[in-house]
Amino acid sequence: MASSGVVERDKYRYHLDAEGEKNTKWKFGAPPNYDVVNKLFEQGRTKVWPAGSLEEKVQNLVKTWEMELFHKVNIEDFKTLDANKYTFSLNGRKGINLEEIGKLGGGYNPLLQTSLPENLRGYNPDEETSESSHKAFTTTFPRGFALEVLQVISGPPQIVYKFRHWGFMEGPFKGHSPTGELVEVYGMAIFELDEHEKIMKVEFFYDPGQLLGGLLKGAKVGSSSEEVASGCPVLRSTG
């Protein structure tokens, strides 16, 4: 596990190397280390895309985009997107910009927006911060929450692709004990790129219940167990 400010090259994420990120300020105090989730990805993926293929390029772009949103502090350090034009929307909602994403708490919160009444929410994004969101998911998925691109329907400037996210619930989640079971999420996304190949717009379409349903199956437990199991969530990563 990385413990310094040195950034090691990651074969699935563009720019994540010592030269490209030497001046980057990291949200959790140090650059992320993806060794654990990369192992999960390699063991569990259903597609192995040829080097240099459109599918590999899209998959690496998505992983890099996710890394930047989850781990970078300053928008000036973002290399995958145009911070002035960027918007994100979930399941047809109105797009939100980076400032609005920050008000939602960042992390998983934009991806888990919900219209459910508060008393029915197993995870309430209105009450979570970027830090608490990150801790909740790195705790429940100690080996990470891996991402693969299943199909690229169209390439840039408008990328349309199908994806799969998966992990094993080996830690507690919001007072629910771990089940050890595989939790999978399937969906589709649209990325719109400008002439400089910077992301301007992202739309995600998936059922958050696929994720939360798998995490709320375990028996209710005391809150202290989640604290014990969290270990070092700062440098463990998802995507």
C-alpha atoms as a PDB file:
ATOM      1  CA  MET A   1       0.000   0.000   0.000  1.00  0.00           C
ATOM      2  CA  ALA A   2       1.357   3.370  -0.959  1.00  0.00           C
ATOM      3  CA  SER A   3       2.130   5.590   2.021  1.00  0.00           C
ATOM      4  CA  SER A   4       3.922   8.532   0.423  1.00  0.00           C
ATOM      5  CA  GLY A   5       3.149  11.146  -2.179  1.00  0.00           C
ATOM      6  CA  VAL A   6       4.864   9.097  -4.896  1.00  0.00           C
ATOM      7  CA  VAL A   7       2.491   8.114  -7.684  1.00  0.00           C
ATOM      8  CA  GLU A   8       3.124   4.747  -9.281  1.00  0.00           C
ATOM      9  CA  ARG A   9       2.001   4.121 -12.854  1.00  0.00           C
ATOM     10  CA  ASP A  10      -1.314   2.289 -13.152  1.00  0.00           C
ATOM     11  CA  LYS A  11      -1.877   0.247 -16.314  1.00  0.00           C
ATOM     12  CA  TYR A  12      -5.649   0.841 -16.342  1.00  0.00           C
ATOM     13  CA  ARG A  13      -5.725   4.568 -15.564  1.00  0.00           C
ATOM     14  CA  TYR A  14      -4.291   7.285 -17.767  1.00  0.00           C
ATOM     15  CA  HIS A  15      -2.072   9.945 -16.176  1.00  0.00           C
ATOM     16  CA  LEU A  16      -1.715   8.086 -12.857  1.00  0.00           C
ATOM     17  CA  ASP A  17       2.075   8.157 -12.810  1.00  0.00           C
ATOM     18  CA  ALA A  18       4.819  10.128 -11.115  1.00  0.00           C
ATOM     19  CA  GLU A  19       5.383  12.642 -13.911  1.00  0.00           C
ATOM     20  CA  GLY A  20       1.737  13.291 -14.766  1.00  0.00           C
ATOM     21  CA  GLU A  21       0.606  13.826 -11.167  1.00  0.00           C
ATOM     22  CA  LYS A  22       3.671  15.288  -9.467  1.00  0.00           C
ATOM     23  CA  ASN A  23       1.825  18.479  -8.408  1.00  0.00           C
ATOM     24  CA  THR A  24      -1.591  16.958  -7.738  1.00  0.00           C
ATOM     25  CA  LYS A  25      -3.284  17.535  -4.399  1.00  0.00           C
ATOM     26  CA  TRP A  26      -5.045  14.367  -3.227  1.00  0.00           C
ATOM     27  CA  LYS A  27      -8.313  14.343  -1.302  1.00  0.00           C
ATOM     28  CA  PHE A  28      -7.192  11.680   1.162  1.00  0.00           C
ATOM     29  CA  GLY A  29      -3.643  12.969   1.597  1.00  0.00           C
ATOM     30  CA  ALA A  30      -1.886  10.586  -0.778  1.00  0.00           C
ATOM     31  CA  PRO A  31      -2.365   9.162  -4.273  1.00  0.00           C
ATOM     32  CA  PRO A  32      -4.667   6.147  -4.534  1.00  0.00           C
ATOM     33  CA  ASN A  33      -3.233   2.662  -4.865  1.00  0.00           C
ATOM     34  CA  TYR A  34      -5.312   0.394  -7.115  1.00  0.00           C
ATOM     35  CA  ASP A  35      -3.303  -2.822  -6.752  1.00  0.00           C
ATOM     36  CA  VAL A  36      -6.008  -4.649  -4.789  1.00  0.00           C
ATOM     37  CA  VAL A  37      -8.956  -3.723  -6.997  1.00  0.00           C
ATOM     38  CA  ASN A  38      -6.871  -4.339 -10.132  1.00  0.00           C
ATOM     39  CA  LYS A  39      -6.379  -7.911  -8.932  1.00  0.00           C
ATOM     40  CA  LEU A  40     -10.130  -8.294  -8.375  1.00  0.00           C
ATOM     41  CA  PHE A  41     -10.735  -6.850 -11.848  1.00  0.00           C
ATOM     42  CA  GLU A  42      -8.325  -9.255 -13.513  1.00  0.00           C
ATOM     43  CA  GLN A  43      -9.756 -12.258 -11.672  1.00  0.00           C
ATOM     44  CA  GLY A  44     -13.419 -11.419 -12.244  1.00  0.00           C
ATOM     45  CA  ARG A  45     -13.714  -9.641 -15.584  1.00  0.00           C
ATOM     46  CA  THR A  46     -15.689 -11.295 -18.354  1.00  0.00           C
ATOM     47  CA  LYS A  47     -13.999  -9.382 -21.187  1.00  0.00           C
ATOM     48  CA  VAL A  48     -10.313  -8.982 -22.016  1.00  0.00           C
ATOM     49  CA  TRP A  49     -10.060  -6.236 -24.599  1.00  0.00           C
ATOM     50  CA  PRO A  50      -7.141  -6.131 -27.057  1.00  0.00           C
ATOM     51  CA  ALA A  51      -4.505  -3.498 -26.375  1.00  0.00           C
ATOM     52  CA  GLY A  52      -5.278  -0.321 -28.290  1.00  0.00           C
ATOM     53  CA  SER A  53      -8.881  -1.307 -29.010  1.00  0.00           C
ATOM     54  CA  LEU A  54     -11.729   1.171 -28.668  1.00  0.00           C
ATOM     55  CA  GLU A  55     -13.121  -0.922 -25.797  1.00  0.00           C
ATOM     56  CA  GLU A  56      -9.836  -0.789 -23.884  1.00  0.00           C
ATOM     57  CA  LYS A  57      -9.557   2.979 -24.426  1.00  0.00           C
ATOM     58  CA  VAL A  58     -13.109   3.583 -23.188  1.00  0.00           C
ATOM     59  CA  GLN A  59     -12.597   1.316 -20.169  1.00  0.00           C
ATOM     60  CA  ASN A  60      -9.396   3.124 -19.191  1.00  0.00           C
ATOM     61  CA  LEU A  61     -11.047   6.519 -19.715  1.00  0.00           C
ATOM     62  CA  VAL A  62     -13.932   5.588 -17.411  1.00  0.00           C
ATOM     63  CA  LYS A  63     -11.566   4.269 -14.730  1.00  0.00           C
ATOM     64  CA  THR A  64      -9.445   7.423 -14.961  1.00  0.00           C
ATOM     65  CA  TRP A  65     -12.482   9.707 -14.828  1.00  0.00           C
ATOM     66  CA  GLU A  66     -13.697   7.902 -11.711  1.00  0.00           C
ATOM     67  CA  MET A  67     -10.260   8.109 -10.109  1.00  0.00           C
ATOM     68  CA  GLU A  68     -10.090  11.870 -10.626  1.00  0.00           C
ATOM     69  CA  LEU A  69     -13.575  12.551  -9.267  1.00  0.00           C
ATOM     70  CA  PHE A  70     -13.003  10.433  -6.182  1.00  0.00           C
ATOM     71  CA  HIS A  71      -9.444  11.454  -5.337  1.00  0.00           C
ATOM     72  CA  LYS A  72      -8.457  14.871  -6.702  1.00  0.00           C
ATOM     73  CA  VAL A  73      -9.033  18.072  -4.754  1.00  0.00           C
ATOM     74  CA  ASN A  74      -8.446  20.804  -7.337  1.00  0.00           C
ATOM     75  CA  ILE A  75     -10.390  20.929 -10.584  1.00  0.00           C
ATOM     76  CA  GLU A  76      -7.227  22.313 -12.225  1.00  0.00           C
ATOM     77  CA  ASP A  77      -5.717  18.838 -11.799  1.00  0.00           C
ATOM     78  CA  PHE A  78      -8.517  17.083 -13.714  1.00  0.00           C
ATOM     79  CA  LYS A  79      -7.252  15.822 -17.069  1.00  0.00           C
ATOM     80  CA  THR A  80     -10.223  13.776 -18.305  1.00  0.00           C
ATOM     81  CA  LEU A  81     -12.870  16.492 -18.242  1.00  0.00           C
ATOM     82  CA  ASP A  82     -13.534  20.150 -18.967  1.00  0.00           C
ATOM     83  CA  ALA A  83     -14.390  21.523 -15.532  1.00  0.00           C
ATOM     84  CA  ASN A  84     -16.176  24.560 -16.991  1.00  0.00           C
ATOM     85  CA  LYS A  85     -18.570  22.538 -19.139  1.00  0.00           C
ATOM     86  CA  TYR A  86     -18.886  19.258 -17.248  1.00  0.00           C
ATOM     87  CA  THR A  87     -22.302  17.994 -16.123  1.00  0.00           C
ATOM     88  CA  PHE A  88     -23.450  14.679 -14.653  1.00  0.00           C
ATOM     89  CA  SER A  89     -26.940  13.206 -14.631  1.00  0.00           C
ATOM     90  CA  LEU A  90     -28.410  10.000 -13.234  1.00  0.00           C
ATOM     91  CA  ASN A  91     -31.377   8.173 -14.771  1.00  0.00           C
ATOM     92  CA  GLY A  92     -32.637  11.177 -16.722  1.00  0.00           C
ATOM     93  CA  ARG A  93     -32.329  13.758 -13.937  1.00  0.00           C
ATOM     94  CA  LYS A  94     -31.274  17.299 -14.767  1.00  0.00           C
ATOM     95  CA  GLY A  95     -27.523  17.529 -15.194  1.00  0.00           C
ATOM     96  CA  ILE A  96     -25.458  18.947 -12.330  1.00  0.00           C
ATOM     97  CA  ASN A  97     -22.060  20.656 -12.538  1.00  0.00           C
ATOM     98  CA  LEU A  98     -18.978  20.124 -10.376  1.00  0.00           C
ATOM     99  CA  GLU A  99     -20.054  22.756  -7.844  1.00  0.00           C
ATOM    100  CA  GLU A 100     -23.423  21.048  -7.423  1.00  0.00           C
ATOM    101  CA  ILE A 101     -21.732  17.650  -7.179  1.00  0.00           C
ATOM    102  CA  GLY A 102     -19.635  19.084  -4.355  1.00  0.00           C
ATOM    103  CA  LYS A 103     -22.780  20.243  -2.557  1.00  0.00           C
ATOM    104  CA  LEU A 104     -24.116  16.672  -2.773  1.00  0.00           C
ATOM    105  CA  GLY A 105     -20.987  15.509  -0.974  1.00  0.00           C
ATOM    106  CA  GLY A 106     -19.183  13.978  -3.939  1.00  0.00           C
ATOM    107  CA  GLY A 107     -18.091  10.344  -3.726  1.00  0.00           C
ATOM    108  CA  TYR A 108     -20.928   7.919  -4.396  1.00  0.00           C
ATOM    109  CA  ASN A 109     -23.620  10.448  -3.546  1.00  0.00           C
ATOM    110  CA  PRO A 110     -24.354  11.650  -7.109  1.00  0.00           C
ATOM    111  CA  LEU A 111     -24.570   8.000  -8.220  1.00  0.00           C
ATOM    112  CA  LEU A 112     -27.019   7.178  -5.443  1.00  0.00           C
ATOM    113  CA  GLN A 113     -29.466  10.080  -5.740  1.00  0.00           C
ATOM    114  CA  THR A 114     -32.926   8.850  -4.858  1.00  0.00           C
ATOM    115  CA  SER A 115     -36.544   9.967  -4.730  1.00  0.00           C
ATOM    116  CA  LEU A 116     -37.366   7.570  -1.899  1.00  0.00           C
ATOM    117  CA  PRO A 117     -38.705   9.005   1.376  1.00  0.00           C
ATOM    118  CA  GLU A 118     -35.898   9.367   3.913  1.00  0.00           C
ATOM    119  CA  ASN A 119     -37.271   6.620   6.183  1.00  0.00           C
ATOM    120  CA  LEU A 120     -36.943   4.096   3.328  1.00  0.00           C
ATOM    121  CA  ARG A 121     -33.362   4.885   2.360  1.00  0.00           C
ATOM    122  CA  GLY A 122     -30.792   2.240   3.197  1.00  0.00           C
ATOM    123  CA  TYR A 123     -28.187   4.800   2.187  1.00  0.00           C
ATOM    124  CA  ASN A 124     -29.092   8.475   2.426  1.00  0.00           C
ATOM    125  CA  PRO A 125     -26.894  10.621   0.143  1.00  0.00           C
ATOM    126  CA  ASP A 126     -28.335  13.763   1.737  1.00  0.00           C
ATOM    127  CA  GLU A 127     -26.557  12.883   4.985  1.00  0.00           C
ATOM    128  CA  GLU A 128     -23.233  11.632   3.593  1.00  0.00           C
ATOM    129  CA  THR A 129     -19.993  13.509   2.919  1.00  0.00           C
ATOM    130  CA  SER A 130     -17.323  12.544   0.423  1.00  0.00           C
ATOM    131  CA  GLU A 131     -15.294  11.053   3.284  1.00  0.00           C
ATOM    132  CA  SER A 132     -18.145   9.085   4.879  1.00  0.00           C
ATOM    133  CA  SER A 133     -19.266   7.829   1.477  1.00  0.00           C
ATOM    134  CA  HIS A 134     -15.750   6.686   0.604  1.00  0.00           C
ATOM    135  CA  LYS A 135     -15.361   4.989   3.981  1.00  0.00           C
ATOM    136  CA  ALA A 136     -18.702   3.181   3.734  1.00  0.00           C
ATOM    137  CA  PHE A 137     -17.877   1.544   0.413  1.00  0.00           C
ATOM    138  CA  THR A 138     -14.195   0.817   1.021  1.00  0.00           C
ATOM    139  CA  THR A 139     -15.262  -0.836   4.280  1.00  0.00           C
ATOM    140  CA  THR A 140     -17.908  -3.072   2.743  1.00  0.00           C
ATOM    141  CA  PHE A 141     -15.722  -3.862  -0.303  1.00  0.00           C
ATOM    142  CA  PRO A 142     -12.216  -4.387   1.166  1.00  0.00           C
ATOM    143  CA  ARG A 143     -11.034  -5.843  -2.169  1.00  0.00           C
ATOM    144  CA  GLY A 144     -12.559  -2.953  -4.088  1.00  0.00           C
ATOM    145  CA  PHE A 145     -15.522  -2.446  -6.378  1.00  0.00           C
ATOM    146  CA  ALA A 146     -14.257  -3.320  -9.837  1.00  0.00           C
ATOM    147  CA  LEU A 147     -15.459  -1.941 -13.163  1.00  0.00           C
ATOM    148  CA  GLU A 148     -15.429  -3.435 -16.637  1.00  0.00           C
ATOM    149  CA  VAL A 149     -16.825  -2.214 -19.933  1.00  0.00           C
ATOM    150  CA  LEU A 150     -18.979  -4.933 -21.481  1.00  0.00           C
ATOM    151  CA  GLN A 151     -19.701  -3.303 -24.833  1.00  0.00           C
ATOM    152  CA  VAL A 152     -18.991  -0.036 -26.608  1.00  0.00           C
ATOM    153  CA  ILE A 153     -21.952   0.871 -28.771  1.00  0.00           C
ATOM    154  CA  SER A 154     -20.470   4.061 -30.216  1.00  0.00           C
ATOM    155  CA  GLY A 155     -17.121   5.800 -29.979  1.00  0.00           C
ATOM    156  CA  PRO A 156     -16.165   9.435 -29.487  1.00  0.00           C
ATOM    157  CA  PRO A 157     -17.275  12.157 -29.563  1.00  0.00           C
ATOM    158  CA  GLN A 158     -20.368  10.490 -28.038  1.00  0.00           C
ATOM    159  CA  ILE A 159     -19.354   7.303 -26.265  1.00  0.00           C
ATOM    160  CA  VAL A 160     -22.166   4.923 -25.379  1.00  0.00           C
ATOM    161  CA  TYR A 161     -21.227   1.819 -23.425  1.00  0.00           C
ATOM    162  CA  LYS A 162     -22.541  -0.944 -21.182  1.00  0.00           C
ATOM    163  CA  PHE A 163     -20.778  -1.630 -17.904  1.00  0.00           C
ATOM    164  CA  ARG A 164     -20.569  -4.030 -14.996  1.00  0.00           C
ATOM    165  CA  HIS A 165     -19.473  -3.073 -11.455  1.00  0.00           C
ATOM    166  CA  TRP A 166     -18.858  -5.817  -8.893  1.00  0.00           C
ATOM    167  CA  GLY A 167     -17.358  -6.591  -5.509  1.00  0.00           C
ATOM    168  CA  PHE A 168     -17.672  -8.950  -2.556  1.00  0.00           C
ATOM    169  CA  MET A 169     -19.445  -7.687   0.557  1.00  0.00           C
ATOM    170  CA  GLU A 170     -16.780  -8.729   3.052  1.00  0.00           C
ATOM    171  CA  GLY A 171     -17.261  -5.837   5.454  1.00  0.00           C
ATOM    172  CA  PRO A 172     -20.292  -4.238   7.157  1.00  0.00           C
ATOM    173  CA  PHE A 173     -22.412  -1.572   5.510  1.00  0.00           C
ATOM    174  CA  LYS A 174     -24.518   0.946   7.392  1.00  0.00           C
ATOM    175  CA  GLY A 175     -25.153  -1.350  10.330  1.00  0.00           C
ATOM    176  CA  HIS A 176     -25.595  -4.522   8.246  1.00  0.00           C
ATOM    177  CA  SER A 177     -23.201  -7.418   8.705  1.00  0.00           C
ATOM    178  CA  PRO A 178     -21.145  -8.681   5.760  1.00  0.00           C
ATOM    179  CA  THR A 179     -22.546 -11.541   3.700  1.00  0.00           C
ATOM    180  CA  GLY A 180     -19.426 -12.385   1.727  1.00  0.00           C
ATOM    181  CA  GLU A 181     -21.602 -12.483  -1.379  1.00  0.00           C
ATOM    182  CA  LEU A 182     -20.911 -11.090  -4.825  1.00  0.00           C
ATOM    183  CA  VAL A 183     -22.704  -7.796  -5.447  1.00  0.00           C
ATOM    184  CA  GLU A 184     -23.087  -6.836  -9.117  1.00  0.00           C
ATOM    185  CA  VAL A 185     -24.463  -3.783 -10.891  1.00  0.00           C
ATOM    186  CA  TYR A 186     -25.169  -3.500 -14.620  1.00  0.00           C
ATOM    187  CA  GLY A 187     -25.963  -0.343 -16.538  1.00  0.00           C
ATOM    188  CA  MET A 188     -25.304   1.957 -19.450  1.00  0.00           C
ATOM    189  CA  ALA A 189     -23.616   5.342 -19.733  1.00  0.00           C
ATOM    190  CA  ILE A 190     -23.097   8.116 -22.260  1.00  0.00           C
ATOM    191  CA  PHE A 191     -19.976  10.279 -22.305  1.00  0.00           C
ATOM    192  CA  GLU A 192     -19.826  13.327 -24.564  1.00  0.00           C
ATOM    193  CA  LEU A 193     -16.317  14.537 -25.438  1.00  0.00           C
ATOM    194  CA  ASP A 194     -15.175  17.808 -26.974  1.00  0.00           C
ATOM    195  CA  GLU A 195     -12.642  18.256 -29.776  1.00  0.00           C
ATOM    196  CA  HIS A 196      -9.817  17.914 -27.227  1.00  0.00           C
ATOM    197  CA  GLU A 197     -11.251  14.583 -25.983  1.00  0.00           C
ATOM    198  CA  LYS A 198     -12.257  16.154 -22.687  1.00  0.00           C
ATOM    199  CA  ILE A 199     -15.496  14.914 -21.116  1.00  0.00           C
ATOM    200  CA  MET A 200     -18.236  17.553 -21.180  1.00  0.00           C
ATOM    201  CA  LYS A 201     -21.284  15.515 -20.216  1.00  0.00           C
ATOM    202  CA  VAL A 202     -21.939  12.199 -18.462  1.00  0.00           C
ATOM    203  CA  GLU A 203     -25.250  10.367 -18.217  1.00  0.00           C
ATOM    204  CA  PHE A 204     -25.637   7.176 -16.185  1.00  0.00           C
ATOM    205  CA  PHE A 205     -28.552   4.765 -16.396  1.00  0.00           C
ATOM    206  CA  TYR A 206     -28.751   1.934 -13.859  1.00  0.00           C
ATOM    207  CA  ASP A 207     -30.786   0.635 -10.928  1.00  0.00           C
ATOM    208  CA  PRO A 208     -29.184   1.685  -7.589  1.00  0.00           C
ATOM    209  CA  GLY A 209     -31.320  -1.022  -5.964  1.00  0.00           C
ATOM    210  CA  GLN A 210     -29.025  -3.627  -7.538  1.00  0.00           C
ATOM    211  CA  LEU A 211     -26.220  -2.257  -5.398  1.00  0.00           C
ATOM    212  CA  LEU A 212     -28.020  -1.344  -2.188  1.00  0.00           C
ATOM    213  CA  GLY A 213     -30.193  -4.460  -2.215  1.00  0.00           C
ATOM    214  CA  GLY A 214     -27.090  -6.608  -2.008  1.00  0.00           C
ATOM    215  CA  LEU A 215     -25.618  -4.503   0.801  1.00  0.00           C
ATOM    216  CA  LEU A 216     -28.679  -4.469   3.046  1.00  0.00           C
ATOM    217  CA  LYS A 217     -29.217  -8.248   3.136  1.00  0.00           C
ATOM    218  CA  GLY A 218     -26.990  -8.852   6.136  1.00  0.00           C
ATOM    219  CA  ALA A 219     -28.308  -8.890   9.693  1.00  0.00           C
ATOM    220  CA  LYS A 220     -28.308  -5.605  11.582  1.00  0.00           C
ATOM    221  CA  VAL A 221     -25.248  -5.138  13.772  1.00  0.00           C
ATOM    222  CA  GLY A 222     -23.843  -2.465  16.076  1.00  0.00           C
ATOM    223  CA  SER A 223     -22.073   0.535  14.538  1.00  0.00           C
ATOM    224  CA  SER A 224     -18.759  -0.288  16.231  1.00  0.00           C
ATOM    225  CA  SER A 225     -18.050  -3.258  13.946  1.00  0.00           C
ATOM    226  CA  GLU A 226     -17.916  -0.980  10.921  1.00  0.00           C
ATOM    227  CA  GLU A 227     -15.270   1.136  12.581  1.00  0.00           C
ATOM    228  CA  VAL A 228     -13.143  -1.919  13.367  1.00  0.00           C
ATOM    229  CA  ALA A 229     -13.396  -3.368   9.870  1.00  0.00           C
ATOM    230  CA  SER A 230     -12.553  -0.174   8.033  1.00  0.00           C
ATOM    231  CA  GLY A 231      -8.798  -0.534   8.382  1.00  0.00           C
ATOM    232  CA  CYS A 232      -7.150   2.007   6.103  1.00  0.00           C
ATOM    233  CA  PRO A 233      -9.864   3.201   3.708  1.00  0.00           C
ATOM    234  CA  VAL A 234      -7.900   6.219   2.587  1.00  0.00           C
ATOM    235  CA  LEU A 235      -5.741   4.435   0.027  1.00  0.00           C
ATOM    236  CA  ARG A 236      -8.071   1.582  -0.877  1.00  0.00           C
ATOM    237  CA  SER A 237      -9.997   2.320  -4.009  1.00  0.00           C
ATOM    238  CA  THR A 238     -13.069   1.337  -5.930  1.00  0.00           C
ATOM    239  CA  GLY A 239     -13.459   1.400  -9.764  1.00  0.00           C
END
